[in-house]
C-alpha atoms as a PDB file:
ATOM      1  CA  UNK A   1      14.704 -20.035   5.076  1.00  0.00           C
ATOM      2  CA  UNK A   2      11.206 -19.192   4.227  1.00  0.00           C
ATOM      3  CA  UNK A   3      10.010 -20.668   0.785  1.00  0.00           C
ATOM      4  CA  UNK A   4       8.769 -17.801  -1.155  1.00  0.00           C
ATOM      5  CA  UNK A   5       6.493 -17.577  -4.410  1.00  0.00           C
ATOM      6  CA  UNK A   6       6.499 -14.375  -6.360  1.00  0.00           C
ATOM      7  CA  UNK A   7       3.355 -13.553  -8.326  1.00  0.00           C
ATOM      8  CA  UNK A   8       3.904 -10.967 -10.979  1.00  0.00           C
ATOM      9  CA  UNK A   9       7.474 -10.425 -12.350  1.00  0.00           C
ATOM     10  CA  UNK A  10       7.580  -6.632 -13.008  1.00  0.00           C
ATOM     11  CA  UNK A  11       9.804  -4.176 -11.438  1.00  0.00           C
ATOM     12  CA  UNK A  12       8.611  -5.163  -7.927  1.00  0.00           C
ATOM     13  CA  UNK A  13       8.780  -8.807  -8.604  1.00  0.00           C
ATOM     14  CA  UNK A  14      12.210  -8.678  -9.747  1.00  0.00           C
ATOM     15  CA  UNK A  15      13.447  -6.519  -6.846  1.00  0.00           C
ATOM     16  CA  UNK A  16      11.864  -8.791  -4.228  1.00  0.00           C
ATOM     17  CA  UNK A  17      13.652 -11.738  -6.138  1.00  0.00           C
ATOM     18  CA  UNK A  18      16.841  -9.854  -5.672  1.00  0.00           C
ATOM     19  CA  UNK A  19      16.521  -8.900  -2.159  1.00  0.00           C
ATOM     20  CA  UNK A  20      14.892 -12.255  -0.858  1.00  0.00           C
ATOM     21  CA  UNK A  21      18.043 -14.019   0.041  1.00  0.00           C
ATOM     22  CA  UNK A  22      19.364 -11.462   2.146  1.00  0.00           C
ATOM     23  CA  UNK A  23      16.335 -11.356   4.243  1.00  0.00           C
ATOM     24  CA  UNK A  24      16.082 -15.288   4.854  1.00  0.00           C
ATOM     25  CA  UNK A  25      13.840 -16.097   1.830  1.00  0.00           C
ATOM     26  CA  UNK A  26      14.275 -18.696  -0.845  1.00  0.00           C
ATOM     27  CA  UNK A  27      12.462 -17.909  -4.014  1.00  0.00           C
ATOM     28  CA  UNK A  28      11.168 -21.410  -5.247  1.00  0.00           C
ATOM     29  CA  UNK A  29       8.666 -20.034  -7.899  1.00  0.00           C
ATOM     30  CA  UNK A  30       8.108 -17.042 -10.061  1.00  0.00           C
ATOM     31  CA  UNK A  31       4.768 -16.753 -11.840  1.00  0.00           C
ATOM     32  CA  UNK A  32       3.844 -14.352 -14.651  1.00  0.00           C
ATOM     33  CA  UNK A  33       1.974 -14.826 -17.862  1.00  0.00           C
ATOM     34  CA  UNK A  34       5.147 -13.566 -19.569  1.00  0.00           C
ATOM     35  CA  UNK A  35       6.942 -16.577 -18.155  1.00  0.00           C
ATOM     36  CA  UNK A  36       4.198 -18.959 -19.651  1.00  0.00           C
ATOM     37  CA  UNK A  37       3.067 -20.165 -16.253  1.00  0.00           C
ATOM     38  CA  UNK A  38       0.132 -19.517 -13.976  1.00  0.00           C
ATOM     39  CA  UNK A  39      -0.867 -19.987 -10.387  1.00  0.00           C
ATOM     40  CA  UNK A  40      -1.574 -23.740  -9.668  1.00  0.00           C
ATOM     41  CA  UNK A  41      -0.906 -26.389  -7.116  1.00  0.00           C
ATOM     42  CA  UNK A  42       2.320 -27.429  -9.100  1.00  0.00           C
ATOM     43  CA  UNK A  43       3.709 -23.841  -9.464  1.00  0.00           C
ATOM     44  CA  UNK A  44       3.105 -23.125  -5.686  1.00  0.00           C
ATOM     45  CA  UNK A  45       4.178 -26.584  -4.330  1.00  0.00           C
ATOM     46  CA  UNK A  46       6.546 -26.047  -1.410  1.00  0.00           C
ATOM     47  CA  UNK A  47       5.707 -22.240  -0.982  1.00  0.00           C
ATOM     48  CA  UNK A  48       5.134 -21.069   2.524  1.00  0.00           C
ATOM     49  CA  UNK A  49       4.211 -17.478   1.493  1.00  0.00           C
ATOM     50  CA  UNK A  50       3.190 -15.912  -1.798  1.00  0.00           C
ATOM     51  CA  UNK A  51       3.739 -12.228  -2.563  1.00  0.00           C
ATOM     52  CA  UNK A  52       1.499 -10.634  -5.351  1.00  0.00           C
ATOM     53  CA  UNK A  53       2.534  -7.408  -7.319  1.00  0.00           C
ATOM     54  CA  UNK A  54       0.360  -7.690 -10.301  1.00  0.00           C
ATOM     55  CA  UNK A  55      -2.354  -5.506 -11.751  1.00  0.00           C
ATOM     56  CA  UNK A  56      -5.772  -4.440 -10.429  1.00  0.00           C
ATOM     57  CA  UNK A  57      -7.783  -6.428 -13.090  1.00  0.00           C
ATOM     58  CA  UNK A  58      -6.095  -9.765 -12.028  1.00  0.00           C
ATOM     59  CA  UNK A  59      -5.450  -9.327  -8.427  1.00  0.00           C
ATOM     60  CA  UNK A  60      -8.901 -10.593  -7.079  1.00  0.00           C
ATOM     61  CA  UNK A  61      -8.475 -13.699  -9.135  1.00  0.00           C
ATOM     62  CA  UNK A  62      -5.020 -14.314  -7.930  1.00  0.00           C
ATOM     63  CA  UNK A  63      -6.401 -14.004  -4.143  1.00  0.00           C
ATOM     64  CA  UNK A  64      -8.967 -16.451  -5.017  1.00  0.00           C
ATOM     65  CA  UNK A  65      -6.683 -19.235  -6.464  1.00  0.00           C
ATOM     66  CA  UNK A  66      -4.068 -18.610  -3.705  1.00  0.00           C
ATOM     67  CA  UNK A  67      -6.725 -18.904  -0.962  1.00  0.00           C
ATOM     68  CA  UNK A  68      -8.113 -22.109  -2.438  1.00  0.00           C
ATOM     69  CA  UNK A  69      -4.634 -23.678  -2.558  1.00  0.00           C
ATOM     70  CA  UNK A  70      -4.146 -22.974   1.181  1.00  0.00           C
ATOM     71  CA  UNK A  71      -1.172 -20.605   0.644  1.00  0.00           C
ATOM     72  CA  UNK A  72      -0.506 -17.509   3.088  1.00  0.00           C
ATOM     73  CA  UNK A  73       0.229 -14.244   1.070  1.00  0.00           C
ATOM     74  CA  UNK A  74       1.001 -10.644   0.924  1.00  0.00           C
ATOM     75  CA  UNK A  75      -0.982  -8.723  -1.669  1.00  0.00           C
ATOM     76  CA  UNK A  76       0.544  -5.156  -2.701  1.00  0.00           C
ATOM     77  CA  UNK A  77      -1.581  -5.006  -5.739  1.00  0.00           C
ATOM     78  CA  UNK A  78      -4.425  -2.191  -5.475  1.00  0.00           C
ATOM     79  CA  UNK A  79      -7.840  -1.616  -7.007  1.00  0.00           C
ATOM     80  CA  UNK A  80      -9.661  -4.725  -5.545  1.00  0.00           C
ATOM     81  CA  UNK A  81     -10.704  -3.303  -2.055  1.00  0.00           C
ATOM     82  CA  UNK A  82     -14.532  -3.064  -3.326  1.00  0.00           C
ATOM     83  CA  UNK A  83     -14.241  -6.912  -2.846  1.00  0.00           C
ATOM     84  CA  UNK A  84     -12.701  -6.827   0.650  1.00  0.00           C
ATOM     85  CA  UNK A  85     -15.577  -8.592   2.264  1.00  0.00           C
ATOM     86  CA  UNK A  86     -15.439 -11.700  -0.226  1.00  0.00           C
ATOM     87  CA  UNK A  87     -11.573 -11.657   0.544  1.00  0.00           C
ATOM     88  CA  UNK A  88     -12.426 -11.888   4.187  1.00  0.00           C
ATOM     89  CA  UNK A  89     -14.686 -14.839   3.715  1.00  0.00           C
ATOM     90  CA  UNK A  90     -12.099 -16.632   1.524  1.00  0.00           C
ATOM     91  CA  UNK A  91      -9.197 -16.180   4.075  1.00  0.00           C
ATOM     92  CA  UNK A  92     -11.641 -17.382   6.959  1.00  0.00           C
ATOM     93  CA  UNK A  93     -12.805 -20.412   4.909  1.00  0.00           C
ATOM     94  CA  UNK A  94      -9.395 -21.753   3.739  1.00  0.00           C
ATOM     95  CA  UNK A  95      -7.755 -20.671   7.163  1.00  0.00           C
ATOM     96  CA  UNK A  96      -4.762 -18.766   5.658  1.00  0.00           C
ATOM     97  CA  UNK A  97      -3.198 -15.566   6.566  1.00  0.00           C
ATOM     98  CA  UNK A  98      -3.103 -12.609   4.286  1.00  0.00           C
ATOM     99  CA  UNK A  99      -1.509  -9.084   4.562  1.00  0.00           C
ATOM    100  CA  UNK A 100      -2.681  -6.422   2.056  1.00  0.00           C
ATOM    101  CA  UNK A 101      -1.726  -2.711   1.682  1.00  0.00           C
ATOM    102  CA  UNK A 102      -1.640   0.284  -0.729  1.00  0.00           C
ATOM    103  CA  UNK A 103       1.942   0.921   0.225  1.00  0.00           C
ATOM    104  CA  UNK A 104       4.365  -1.447   1.788  1.00  0.00           C
ATOM    105  CA  UNK A 105       7.217   1.273   2.056  1.00  0.00           C
ATOM    106  CA  UNK A 106       8.673   1.489   5.664  1.00  0.00           C
ATOM    107  CA  UNK A 107       9.304   5.211   5.180  1.00  0.00           C
ATOM    108  CA  UNK A 108       5.740   6.040   3.884  1.00  0.00           C
ATOM    109  CA  UNK A 109       4.151   4.149   6.942  1.00  0.00           C
ATOM    110  CA  UNK A 110       6.170   6.264   9.295  1.00  0.00           C
ATOM    111  CA  UNK A 111       5.066   9.285   7.173  1.00  0.00           C
ATOM    112  CA  UNK A 112       1.317   7.971   7.873  1.00  0.00           C
ATOM    113  CA  UNK A 113       2.092   8.437  11.583  1.00  0.00           C
ATOM    114  CA  UNK A 114       3.674  11.831  11.042  1.00  0.00           C
ATOM    115  CA  UNK A 115       0.653  13.092   9.043  1.00  0.00           C
ATOM    116  CA  UNK A 116      -1.696  11.596  11.918  1.00  0.00           C
ATOM    117  CA  UNK A 117       0.073  13.489  14.532  1.00  0.00           C
ATOM    118  CA  UNK A 118       0.393  16.728  12.423  1.00  0.00           C
ATOM    119  CA  UNK A 119      -3.360  16.845  11.386  1.00  0.00           C
ATOM    120  CA  UNK A 120      -4.458  16.474  15.010  1.00  0.00           C
ATOM    121  CA  UNK A 121      -2.237  19.361  16.014  1.00  0.00           C
ATOM    122  CA  UNK A 122      -3.145  21.616  12.997  1.00  0.00           C
ATOM    123  CA  UNK A 123      -6.878  20.984  13.784  1.00  0.00           C
ATOM    124  CA  UNK A 124      -6.408  23.035  16.795  1.00  0.00           C
ATOM    125  CA  UNK A 125      -5.497  26.101  14.803  1.00  0.00           C
ATOM    126  CA  UNK A 126      -8.060  27.940  12.623  1.00  0.00           C
ATOM    127  CA  UNK A 127      -5.870  29.731  10.300  1.00  0.00           C
ATOM    128  CA  UNK A 128      -4.596  26.897   8.217  1.00  0.00           C
ATOM    129  CA  UNK A 129      -6.065  25.180   5.376  1.00  0.00           C
ATOM    130  CA  UNK A 130      -4.955  21.468   4.568  1.00  0.00           C
ATOM    131  CA  UNK A 131      -4.360  20.288   1.061  1.00  0.00           C
ATOM    132  CA  UNK A 132      -2.484  17.238  -0.647  1.00  0.00           C
ATOM    133  CA  UNK A 133      -0.432  16.614  -3.805  1.00  0.00           C
ATOM    134  CA  UNK A 134       1.230  13.610  -5.200  1.00  0.00           C
ATOM    135  CA  UNK A 135       3.499  12.734  -8.163  1.00  0.00           C
ATOM    136  CA  UNK A 136       3.924   9.445  -9.891  1.00  0.00           C
ATOM    137  CA  UNK A 137       5.612   7.982 -13.052  1.00  0.00           C
ATOM    138  CA  UNK A 138       3.580   8.035 -16.255  1.00  0.00           C
ATOM    139  CA  UNK A 139       2.974   4.316 -16.483  1.00  0.00           C
ATOM    140  CA  UNK A 140       0.906   4.379 -13.134  1.00  0.00           C
ATOM    141  CA  UNK A 141      -2.442   2.990 -13.811  1.00  0.00           C
ATOM    142  CA  UNK A 142      -4.456   4.695 -11.065  1.00  0.00           C
ATOM    143  CA  UNK A 143      -5.096   8.218  -9.975  1.00  0.00           C
ATOM    144  CA  UNK A 144      -5.505   8.919  -7.212  1.00  0.00           C
ATOM    145  CA  UNK A 145      -3.168   6.418  -5.938  1.00  0.00           C
ATOM    146  CA  UNK A 146      -3.971   4.062  -2.850  1.00  0.00           C
ATOM    147  CA  UNK A 147      -1.533   6.009  -0.751  1.00  0.00           C
ATOM    148  CA  UNK A 148      -3.184   9.311  -1.584  1.00  0.00           C
ATOM    149  CA  UNK A 149      -6.526   7.872  -0.424  1.00  0.00           C
ATOM    150  CA  UNK A 150      -4.931   6.540   2.833  1.00  0.00           C
ATOM    151  CA  UNK A 151      -3.533  10.122   3.429  1.00  0.00           C
ATOM    152  CA  UNK A 152      -6.971  11.722   2.688  1.00  0.00           C
ATOM    153  CA  UNK A 153      -8.654   9.404   5.162  1.00  0.00           C
ATOM    154  CA  UNK A 154      -6.105  10.512   7.838  1.00  0.00           C
ATOM    155  CA  UNK A 155      -6.565  14.131   7.115  1.00  0.00           C
ATOM    156  CA  UNK A 156     -10.292  13.674   7.094  1.00  0.00           C
ATOM    157  CA  UNK A 157     -10.283  11.672  10.425  1.00  0.00           C
ATOM    158  CA  UNK A 158      -8.449  14.411  12.155  1.00  0.00           C
ATOM    159  CA  UNK A 159      -9.669  17.642  10.816  1.00  0.00           C
ATOM    160  CA  UNK A 160     -13.030  18.853  11.904  1.00  0.00           C
ATOM    161  CA  UNK A 161     -13.903  21.192   9.204  1.00  0.00           C
ATOM    162  CA  UNK A 162     -13.069  18.653   6.264  1.00  0.00           C
ATOM    163  CA  UNK A 163     -15.822  16.117   5.507  1.00  0.00           C
ATOM    164  CA  UNK A 164     -14.966  14.938   2.049  1.00  0.00           C
ATOM    165  CA  UNK A 165     -11.823  14.547  -0.385  1.00  0.00           C
ATOM    166  CA  UNK A 166     -11.816  15.914  -3.872  1.00  0.00           C
ATOM    167  CA  UNK A 167      -9.362  14.200  -6.327  1.00  0.00           C
ATOM    168  CA  UNK A 168     -10.518  15.423  -9.531  1.00  0.00           C
ATOM    169  CA  UNK A 169     -10.194  18.743 -11.495  1.00  0.00           C
ATOM    170  CA  UNK A 170     -12.516  21.449 -10.022  1.00  0.00           C
ATOM    171  CA  UNK A 171     -14.391  23.698 -12.396  1.00  0.00           C
ATOM    172  CA  UNK A 172     -15.730  25.621  -9.368  1.00  0.00           C
ATOM    173  CA  UNK A 173     -14.596  27.303  -6.161  1.00  0.00           C
ATOM    174  CA  UNK A 174     -13.786  24.590  -3.667  1.00  0.00           C
ATOM    175  CA  UNK A 175     -16.059  24.350  -0.672  1.00  0.00           C
ATOM    176  CA  UNK A 176     -14.613  25.027   2.931  1.00  0.00           C
ATOM    177  CA  UNK A 177     -15.450  21.438   3.972  1.00  0.00           C
ATOM    178  CA  UNK A 178     -13.410  19.826   0.939  1.00  0.00           C
ATOM    179  CA  UNK A 179     -10.137  18.701   1.047  1.00  0.00           C
ATOM    180  CA  UNK A 180      -8.352  18.817  -2.312  1.00  0.00           C
ATOM    181  CA  UNK A 181      -5.763  16.216  -3.201  1.00  0.00           C
ATOM    182  CA  UNK A 182      -4.098  16.656  -6.733  1.00  0.00           C
ATOM    183  CA  UNK A 183      -2.293  14.101  -8.824  1.00  0.00           C
ATOM    184  CA  UNK A 184       0.489  14.454 -11.358  1.00  0.00           C
ATOM    185  CA  UNK A 185       1.637  11.555 -13.641  1.00  0.00           C
ATOM    186  CA  UNK A 186       4.773  12.140 -15.648  1.00  0.00           C
ATOM    187  CA  UNK A 187       8.344  10.751 -16.309  1.00  0.00           C
ATOM    188  CA  UNK A 188       9.710   8.074 -14.180  1.00  0.00           C
ATOM    189  CA  UNK A 189       8.877   9.534 -10.654  1.00  0.00           C
ATOM    190  CA  UNK A 190       8.883   6.590  -8.173  1.00  0.00           C
ATOM    191  CA  UNK A 191       6.433   8.517  -6.013  1.00  0.00           C
ATOM    192  CA  UNK A 192       6.162  11.701  -3.892  1.00  0.00           C
ATOM    193  CA  UNK A 193       3.306  12.539  -1.573  1.00  0.00           C
ATOM    194  CA  UNK A 194       2.965  15.965   0.137  1.00  0.00           C
ATOM    195  CA  UNK A 195       0.413  17.319   2.793  1.00  0.00           C
ATOM    196  CA  UNK A 196       0.491  21.014   3.254  1.00  0.00           C
ATOM    197  CA  UNK A 197      -0.981  23.504   5.751  1.00  0.00           C
ATOM    198  CA  UNK A 198      -1.398  27.032   4.271  1.00  0.00           C
ATOM    199  CA  UNK A 199      -2.217  30.315   6.004  1.00  0.00           C
ATOM    200  CA  UNK A 200      -2.063  33.879   5.078  1.00  0.00           C
ATOM    201  CA  UNK A 201       1.401  34.148   7.130  1.00  0.00           C
ATOM    202  CA  UNK A 202       3.107  30.763   5.905  1.00  0.00           C
ATOM    203  CA  UNK A 203       3.036  27.517   4.655  1.00  0.00           C
ATOM    204  CA  UNK A 204       4.007  24.047   6.458  1.00  0.00           C
ATOM    205  CA  UNK A 205       4.695  20.977   4.360  1.00  0.00           C
ATOM    206  CA  UNK A 206       5.180  17.426   5.217  1.00  0.00           C
ATOM    207  CA  UNK A 207       6.704  15.351   2.257  1.00  0.00           C
ATOM    208  CA  UNK A 208       7.716  12.062   1.382  1.00  0.00           C
ATOM    209  CA  UNK A 209       9.821  11.254  -1.598  1.00  0.00           C
ATOM    210  CA  UNK A 210      10.706   7.736  -2.801  1.00  0.00           C
ATOM    211  CA  UNK A 211      14.096   7.381  -4.527  1.00  0.00           C
ATOM    212  CA  UNK A 212      13.261   3.825  -5.607  1.00  0.00           C
ATOM    213  CA  UNK A 213      11.112   0.870  -5.013  1.00  0.00           C
ATOM    214  CA  UNK A 214      13.583  -0.806  -2.452  1.00  0.00           C
ATOM    215  CA  UNK A 215      11.567   0.424   0.652  1.00  0.00           C
ATOM    216  CA  UNK A 216       8.272  -1.178  -0.706  1.00  0.00           C
ATOM    217  CA  UNK A 217      10.127  -4.377  -1.420  1.00  0.00           C
ATOM    218  CA  UNK A 218      11.595  -4.712   2.164  1.00  0.00           C
ATOM    219  CA  UNK A 219       8.127  -3.833   3.629  1.00  0.00           C
ATOM    220  CA  UNK A 220       6.576  -6.636   1.509  1.00  0.00           C
ATOM    221  CA  UNK A 221       9.351  -9.103   2.784  1.00  0.00           C
ATOM    222  CA  UNK A 222       8.912  -8.027   6.286  1.00  0.00           C
ATOM    223  CA  UNK A 223       5.109  -8.656   5.890  1.00  0.00           C
ATOM    224  CA  UNK A 224       5.821 -12.038   4.377  1.00  0.00           C
ATOM    225  CA  UNK A 225       7.985 -13.100   7.354  1.00  0.00           C
ATOM    226  CA  UNK A 226       5.267 -11.789   9.838  1.00  0.00           C
ATOM    227  CA  UNK A 227       2.256 -13.742   8.024  1.00  0.00           C
ATOM    228  CA  UNK A 228       4.256 -16.799   7.381  1.00  0.00           C
ATOM    229  CA  UNK A 229       2.847 -18.579  10.392  1.00  0.00           C
ATOM    230  CA  UNK A 230      -0.554 -16.602  10.998  1.00  0.00           C
ATOM    231  CA  UNK A 231      -4.079 -16.763   9.905  1.00  0.00           C
ATOM    232  CA  UNK A 232      -6.595 -14.003   9.448  1.00  0.00           C
ATOM    233  CA  UNK A 233      -6.622 -11.003   7.246  1.00  0.00           C
ATOM    234  CA  UNK A 234      -4.533  -7.954   8.148  1.00  0.00           C
ATOM    235  CA  UNK A 235      -3.933  -4.343   6.779  1.00  0.00           C
ATOM    236  CA  UNK A 236      -0.276  -3.484   6.584  1.00  0.00           C
ATOM    237  CA  UNK A 237      -0.809  -0.145   7.664  1.00  0.00           C
ATOM    238  CA  UNK A 238      -2.834  -0.844  10.718  1.00  0.00           C
ATOM    239  CA  UNK A 239      -0.448  -3.593  11.853  1.00  0.00           C
ATOM    240  CA  UNK A 240       2.667  -1.868  10.878  1.00  0.00           C
ATOM    241  CA  UNK A 241       4.147  -1.352  14.237  1.00  0.00           C
ATOM    242  CA  UNK A 242       3.750  -5.096  15.097  1.00  0.00           C
ATOM    243  CA  UNK A 243       5.108  -6.273  11.683  1.00  0.00           C
ATOM    244  CA  UNK A 244       8.401  -4.044  11.764  1.00  0.00           C
ATOM    245  CA  UNK A 245       8.701  -3.930  15.581  1.00  0.00           C
ATOM    246  CA  UNK A 246       8.447  -0.080  16.024  1.00  0.00           C
ATOM    247  CA  UNK A 247       6.319   1.186  18.835  1.00  0.00           C
ATOM    248  CA  UNK A 248       4.744   4.618  18.249  1.00  0.00           C
ATOM    249  CA  UNK A 249       1.580   6.450  19.587  1.00  0.00           C
ATOM    250  CA  UNK A 250      -1.075   5.608  17.141  1.00  0.00           C
END
């Protein structure tokens, strides 16, 4: 069994703990300020991989500490990508492996591929205008989500007449070259993401709705298994097919 340390004991940390034995992991350490402990050589002793689902304001510090302790890791926390170059250097200097991502859901990463294919196709048709919409629970700390940004990047990459994404409220007419992605935060919604194509005649929509966080936890565990014996920095979405063992056309 792979020896696992869980960093952050919120909803995701607890779910990973619950699912870990089923997927050949032994949880040897759970680290969270509310449990009265912190990342150290002692608390990570024996761990082969660490999984971090904490908060944006602590993620980079956690990454630094884990790198310096020479532990491979999976980071599902968002909000630190402005420091990606520094993280790349830390990973290389300490000769460890790290997988990071804005969304580890298996279904969502398949959805990314569907949106990629659909936007390439719809780009050939002049009559359709593309838009995006997401829904999340009221406790989510960022808007737009990291997933919304990934979807927007896919749309912009494949749509010739869209050159920028707008995530904020607009007090003006939207420009033809702008892709609008709206965000709603309410209740206990795990996460819903929609990419739509609208014309005068009809609307076509692709939608992913998460029922719970189990798909995220499973994806993180798959990534932990994959990175356990590797060095280097990897984006989960970019290496999804290799990590999961699913072949598709990129």
